[in-house]
Amino acid sequence: MRPADDWFNDYGESHQNPTNKTIHWICVPLILLTVFGMLWATPVPAAMASVSPWLNWATIVMVLALVYYFALSPSLGAGMSIVLALFAYILHTLAAAGLPMMIASVSVFVLAWIGQFVGHRIEGKKPSFFKDIQFLMIGPIWLLGFIYRRMGVNY
């Protein structure tokens, strides 16, 4: 597996413009949250639902994502564990409040992707995932990597 720094350097090539970076700080977390929101709203088999209200497609995919992140970097995996636990709590709370999760998630997802493409239009470069689909997984930890570097945390 490529080291995180290699992924971050490649990802960073198409994320130099300050406006595009700002858009990514807003839109990448929203896209990630709404993907999990759509998965949370997707019905699960009754046997699965009876185990726990927390056991759903979103939490299963979160665990799989964490396996990827921990394989890439234990430190980044730990950070993403916190982020995804927060997202799961937010989604659980919203679902318990009766929010129409699928409609809300799809709406914000579409708007956030429009924002992403506007940012790349400003940047003048295509989104990285056109080069390699794995960059869809790298975007969220690229932001986390920036936070780690600012805090002097190694990854």
Protein backbone atom coordinates (compact mmCIF):
# COMPACT_ATOMS: atom_id res chain seq x y z
CA MET A 1 0.00 0.00 0.00
CA ARG A 2 1.24 3.48 -0.85
CA PRO A 3 2.25 5.63 2.12
CA ALA A 4 -0.17 8.36 3.19
CA ASP A 5 2.30 11.09 2.19
CA ASP A 6 2.35 9.80 -1.40
CA TRP A 7 -1.45 9.91 -1.54
CA PHE A 8 -1.52 13.38 0.04
CA ASN A 9 1.09 14.75 -2.37
CA ASP A 10 -0.84 13.46 -5.39
CA TYR A 11 -4.15 14.69 -3.99
CA GLY A 12 -2.64 18.06 -3.15
CA GLU A 13 -1.58 18.65 -6.78
CA SER A 14 -5.17 19.44 -7.74
CA HIS A 15 -5.92 21.29 -4.51
CA GLN A 16 -3.65 24.35 -4.54
CA ASN A 17 -6.14 27.18 -5.00
CA PRO A 18 -7.21 28.68 -1.64
CA THR A 19 -10.87 28.89 -2.72
CA ASN A 20 -10.88 25.26 -3.83
CA LYS A 21 -9.28 24.26 -0.52
CA THR A 22 -11.92 26.16 1.44
CA ILE A 23 -14.69 24.53 -0.58
CA HIS A 24 -13.14 21.14 0.16
CA TRP A 25 -13.06 21.85 3.90
CA ILE A 26 -16.82 22.38 3.72
CA CYS A 27 -17.90 19.89 1.06
CA VAL A 28 -15.73 16.81 1.75
CA PRO A 29 -17.07 16.32 5.31
CA LEU A 30 -20.62 16.99 4.08
CA ILE A 31 -20.24 14.43 1.29
CA LEU A 32 -18.88 11.85 3.70
CA LEU A 33 -21.63 12.53 6.24
CA THR A 34 -24.36 12.37 3.61
CA VAL A 35 -23.06 9.14 2.09
CA PHE A 36 -23.37 7.63 5.54
CA GLY A 37 -26.75 9.32 5.93
CA MET A 38 -28.02 7.62 2.78
CA LEU A 39 -26.66 4.30 3.98
CA TRP A 40 -28.20 4.87 7.43
CA ALA A 41 -31.59 5.45 5.79
CA THR A 42 -31.35 2.32 3.65
CA PRO A 43 -33.46 -0.41 5.24
CA VAL A 44 -31.63 -3.37 6.73
CA PRO A 45 -32.91 -6.94 7.12
CA ALA A 46 -35.11 -7.42 10.20
CA ALA A 47 -32.59 -9.79 11.78
CA MET A 48 -29.91 -7.12 11.51
CA ALA A 49 -32.17 -4.37 12.85
CA SER A 50 -33.14 -6.47 15.85
CA VAL A 51 -29.51 -6.68 17.00
CA SER A 52 -29.06 -2.94 17.54
CA PRO A 53 -30.31 0.36 16.12
CA TRP A 54 -26.63 1.11 15.51
CA LEU A 55 -26.17 -1.90 13.22
CA ASN A 56 -26.97 -0.69 9.74
CA TRP A 57 -25.34 -0.25 6.33
CA ALA A 58 -23.66 2.98 7.39
CA THR A 59 -21.91 1.51 10.42
CA ILE A 60 -20.83 -1.54 8.42
CA VAL A 61 -19.29 0.67 5.72
CA MET A 62 -17.72 2.86 8.42
CA VAL A 63 -15.96 -0.21 9.84
CA LEU A 64 -14.75 -1.19 6.37
CA ALA A 65 -13.47 2.36 5.78
CA LEU A 66 -11.65 2.24 9.09
CA VAL A 67 -9.93 -1.00 8.07
CA TYR A 68 -8.62 0.85 5.00
CA TYR A 69 -7.56 3.90 7.03
CA PHE A 70 -5.81 1.84 9.72
CA ALA A 71 -3.96 -0.10 7.01
CA LEU A 72 -2.83 3.19 5.50
CA SER A 73 -1.85 4.71 8.85
CA PRO A 74 -2.76 3.64 12.39
CA SER A 75 -2.63 7.28 13.48
CA LEU A 76 -4.97 8.45 10.72
CA GLY A 77 -7.20 5.44 11.38
CA ALA A 78 -7.48 6.50 15.02
CA GLY A 79 -8.40 10.04 13.98
CA MET A 80 -10.98 8.81 11.51
CA SER A 81 -12.43 6.56 14.23
CA ILE A 82 -13.26 9.71 16.18
CA VAL A 83 -14.68 11.46 13.12
CA LEU A 84 -16.82 8.50 12.11
CA ALA A 85 -18.03 7.92 15.67
CA LEU A 86 -19.15 11.56 15.72
CA PHE A 87 -20.87 11.11 12.35
CA ALA A 88 -22.63 7.95 13.61
CA TYR A 89 -23.83 9.82 16.70
CA ILE A 90 -25.11 12.72 14.57
CA LEU A 91 -26.92 10.36 12.20
CA HIS A 92 -28.39 8.30 15.03
CA THR A 93 -29.66 11.49 16.68
CA LEU A 94 -31.14 12.84 13.45
CA ALA A 95 -32.80 9.51 12.64
CA ALA A 96 -34.25 9.30 16.17
CA ALA A 97 -35.66 12.81 15.71
CA GLY A 98 -37.51 11.63 12.61
CA LEU A 99 -35.51 13.61 10.05
CA PRO A 100 -36.24 12.39 6.50
CA MET A 101 -32.65 11.14 6.30
CA MET A 102 -32.62 10.00 2.68
CA ILE A 103 -34.11 13.22 1.28
CA ALA A 104 -31.88 15.43 3.41
CA SER A 105 -28.76 13.39 2.64
CA VAL A 106 -29.35 13.24 -1.12
CA SER A 107 -30.06 16.99 -1.22
CA VAL A 108 -26.93 17.99 0.69
CA PHE A 109 -24.86 15.38 -1.19
CA VAL A 110 -25.82 16.88 -4.57
CA LEU A 111 -25.16 20.44 -3.40
CA ALA A 112 -21.80 19.47 -1.90
CA TRP A 113 -20.71 17.77 -5.12
CA ILE A 114 -21.73 20.85 -7.08
CA GLY A 115 -19.51 22.81 -4.70
CA GLN A 116 -16.64 20.38 -5.29
CA PHE A 117 -16.90 20.76 -9.06
CA VAL A 118 -17.10 24.55 -8.76
CA GLY A 119 -13.92 24.43 -6.67
CA HIS A 120 -12.16 22.34 -9.28
CA ARG A 121 -13.36 24.65 -12.03
CA ILE A 122 -11.77 27.53 -10.10
CA GLU A 123 -8.65 25.40 -9.57
CA GLY A 124 -8.53 24.56 -13.27
CA LYS A 125 -7.83 20.89 -12.58
CA LYS A 126 -9.96 17.77 -12.59
CA PRO A 127 -10.85 16.10 -9.30
CA SER A 128 -8.25 13.52 -8.26
CA PHE A 129 -10.69 10.61 -8.29
CA PHE A 130 -10.76 10.82 -12.11
CA LYS A 131 -7.13 9.65 -11.91
CA ASP A 132 -7.73 6.96 -9.25
CA ILE A 133 -11.03 6.11 -7.57
CA GLN A 134 -9.20 5.56 -4.27
CA PHE A 135 -8.91 9.34 -3.97
CA LEU A 136 -12.54 9.31 -2.84
CA MET A 137 -11.21 7.66 0.33
CA ILE A 138 -8.19 9.97 0.52
CA GLY A 139 -10.09 13.29 0.55
CA PRO A 140 -11.32 12.98 4.14
CA ILE A 141 -7.95 11.92 5.54
CA TRP A 142 -6.16 14.58 3.48
CA LEU A 143 -8.02 17.10 5.62
CA LEU A 144 -7.20 15.12 8.76
CA GLY A 145 -3.56 14.94 7.67
CA PHE A 146 -3.52 18.74 7.45
CA ILE A 147 -4.85 18.96 11.01
CA TYR A 148 -2.24 16.43 12.17
CA ARG A 149 0.59 18.42 10.55
CA ARG A 150 -0.64 21.62 12.20
CA MET A 151 -0.70 19.86 15.58
CA GLY A 152 2.71 18.22 15.01
CA VAL A 153 1.17 14.72 15.06
CA ASN A 154 2.92 12.07 12.98
CA TYR A 155 1.01 9.80 10.66
